[in-house]
Protein backbone atom coordinates (compact mmCIF):
# COMPACT_ATOMS: atom_id res chain seq x y z
CA MET A 1 0.21 0.23 0.14
CA ARG A 2 1.32 3.18 -0.75
CA LEU A 3 1.25 5.77 1.98
CA ARG A 4 0.04 9.35 1.01
CA LYS A 5 -0.31 11.63 3.88
CA ILE A 6 -3.55 13.06 4.77
CA LYS A 7 -3.81 16.65 5.62
CA GLY A 8 -5.74 17.40 9.36
CA ALA A 9 -5.10 13.74 9.98
CA GLN A 10 -4.56 14.43 13.62
CA ASP A 11 -7.09 16.31 13.61
CA LEU A 12 -9.81 14.07 12.21
CA LEU A 13 -8.42 11.32 14.71
CA ASP A 14 -8.62 13.48 17.73
CA LYS A 15 -11.97 14.65 16.25
CA TYR A 16 -13.30 10.90 16.70
CA GLU A 17 -11.78 10.32 20.88
CA GLY A 18 -14.58 7.79 21.67
CA ILE A 19 -13.10 5.42 18.69
CA VAL A 20 -9.68 6.97 18.53
CA VAL A 21 -7.51 6.53 22.18
CA ALA A 22 -5.05 9.14 22.72
CA ASN A 23 -2.18 8.95 25.51
CA PRO A 24 -3.17 4.54 24.93
CA THR A 25 -0.09 4.11 27.92
CA ASN A 26 -2.03 6.14 30.43
CA TYR A 27 -4.67 2.50 30.12
CA LYS A 28 -2.02 -0.15 30.30
CA GLY A 29 -3.74 -2.97 32.73
CA LYS A 30 -6.64 -0.96 32.77
CA TRP A 31 -8.55 -1.24 29.04
CA ASN A 32 -11.03 -3.23 30.22
CA GLN A 33 -12.11 0.70 31.75
CA VAL A 34 -12.08 1.96 28.31
CA PHE A 35 -14.76 -0.35 26.57
CA GLY A 36 -16.49 -0.69 30.72
CA ASN A 37 -16.95 -4.16 30.50
CA ASP A 38 -14.94 -7.08 31.47
CA ASN A 39 -15.08 -8.85 27.81
CA PRO A 40 -12.21 -10.40 26.37
CA ILE A 41 -9.35 -7.79 24.78
CA HIS A 42 -8.43 -9.23 20.89
CA ILE A 43 -5.53 -6.25 19.20
CA GLU A 44 -4.85 -6.53 15.86
CA ILE A 45 -1.58 -4.83 14.92
CA GLY A 46 -0.69 -3.48 11.65
CA CYS A 47 -4.71 -2.91 11.10
CA GLY A 48 -4.06 -0.82 7.60
CA LYS A 49 -7.38 0.08 6.52
CA GLY A 50 -9.15 -1.53 9.09
CA GLN A 51 -11.44 -4.00 6.97
CA PHE A 52 -10.10 -7.18 9.27
CA VAL A 53 -11.50 -5.32 12.72
CA PHE A 54 -14.45 -3.71 10.96
CA ASN A 55 -15.71 -7.41 10.39
CA MET A 56 -14.19 -9.15 13.77
CA ALA A 57 -15.63 -6.08 15.62
CA LYS A 58 -19.16 -6.81 13.69
CA LYS A 59 -18.76 -11.15 14.08
CA TYR A 60 -17.94 -10.87 17.48
CA PRO A 61 -19.88 -7.79 19.61
CA ASN A 62 -18.89 -9.96 23.38
CA ILE A 63 -15.44 -9.59 22.44
CA ASN A 64 -13.35 -6.05 22.71
CA PHE A 65 -11.08 -5.07 19.96
CA ILE A 66 -7.93 -2.33 19.63
CA ALA A 67 -6.59 -2.03 16.40
CA ILE A 68 -3.29 -0.35 16.34
CA GLU A 69 -1.42 0.96 13.45
CA LYS A 70 1.48 3.34 12.93
CA TYR A 71 0.34 5.42 10.88
CA ASP A 72 -2.01 8.24 11.43
CA SER A 73 -2.93 8.36 7.34
CA VAL A 74 -3.83 4.86 7.36
CA LEU A 75 -5.40 4.91 10.92
CA ILE A 76 -8.12 7.31 9.05
CA ARG A 77 -8.73 4.36 6.60
CA ALA A 78 -9.75 2.32 9.49
CA LEU A 79 -11.48 4.78 10.82
CA GLU A 80 -13.82 5.76 7.98
CA LYS A 81 -15.21 2.67 8.75
CA PHE A 82 -15.90 3.12 12.07
CA MET A 83 -17.37 6.84 11.57
CA ASP A 84 -21.13 6.49 11.50
CA LYS A 85 -21.52 3.35 13.08
CA GLU A 86 -22.22 1.93 16.50
CA PHE A 87 -19.08 0.28 17.48
CA ASP A 88 -19.24 -0.06 21.42
CA ASN A 89 -16.24 -2.80 21.05
CA VAL A 90 -13.63 -1.28 18.89
CA LYS A 91 -10.50 0.87 19.93
CA LEU A 92 -8.55 2.44 17.15
CA VAL A 93 -4.83 3.26 18.38
CA LEU A 94 -2.01 5.02 16.54
CA PHE A 95 0.83 3.70 18.21
CA ASP A 96 3.98 1.40 17.13
CA ALA A 97 3.82 -1.42 18.00
CA PHE A 98 7.89 -1.98 18.96
CA ALA A 99 6.81 -0.51 21.88
CA LEU A 100 4.11 -2.76 22.30
CA VAL A 101 4.76 -3.47 25.70
CA ASN A 102 3.95 0.05 27.17
CA LEU A 103 0.53 -0.40 26.16
CA PHE A 104 -0.92 -3.49 28.07
CA ASP A 105 -0.22 -5.72 31.24
CA TYR A 106 -1.15 -9.37 31.09
CA GLU A 107 -4.54 -8.20 30.20
CA ILE A 108 -4.83 -9.64 26.12
CA ASP A 109 -6.67 -12.71 25.36
CA ARG A 110 -5.57 -12.95 21.57
CA LEU A 111 -3.47 -10.92 19.26
CA TYR A 112 -4.04 -10.52 15.23
CA LEU A 113 -0.54 -9.94 12.78
CA ASN A 114 -1.93 -9.64 9.41
CA PHE A 115 0.07 -8.91 6.62
CA PHE A 116 2.24 -7.24 8.84
CA ASP A 117 5.06 -4.95 6.87
CA LEU A 118 8.75 -6.19 7.90
CA TRP A 119 10.39 -2.58 7.42
């Protein structure tokens, strides 16, 4: 996928604070509080345009999904799938997965790594 910079991407991510989690390191060990329930938490590293997490969240409403993407312009494409819909079980996170240990504390039930970029 060719990465094209989207002007105002960070402003758009900030606007959807109910879906996009700002300062995700603040929630280490407390992700169930973010969702407001004790459902299992599944994460997808490198969510890209969000098609996988969108379909999983729709199919499994009793599982909480956290989609992580490194680039704001790519995360915008995932956000577009959720903007006009009611999903209580999805959060999007702009974060570099190399520092994933700073986000979670033994609270993840499943991890998905689809089509990852080795670079």
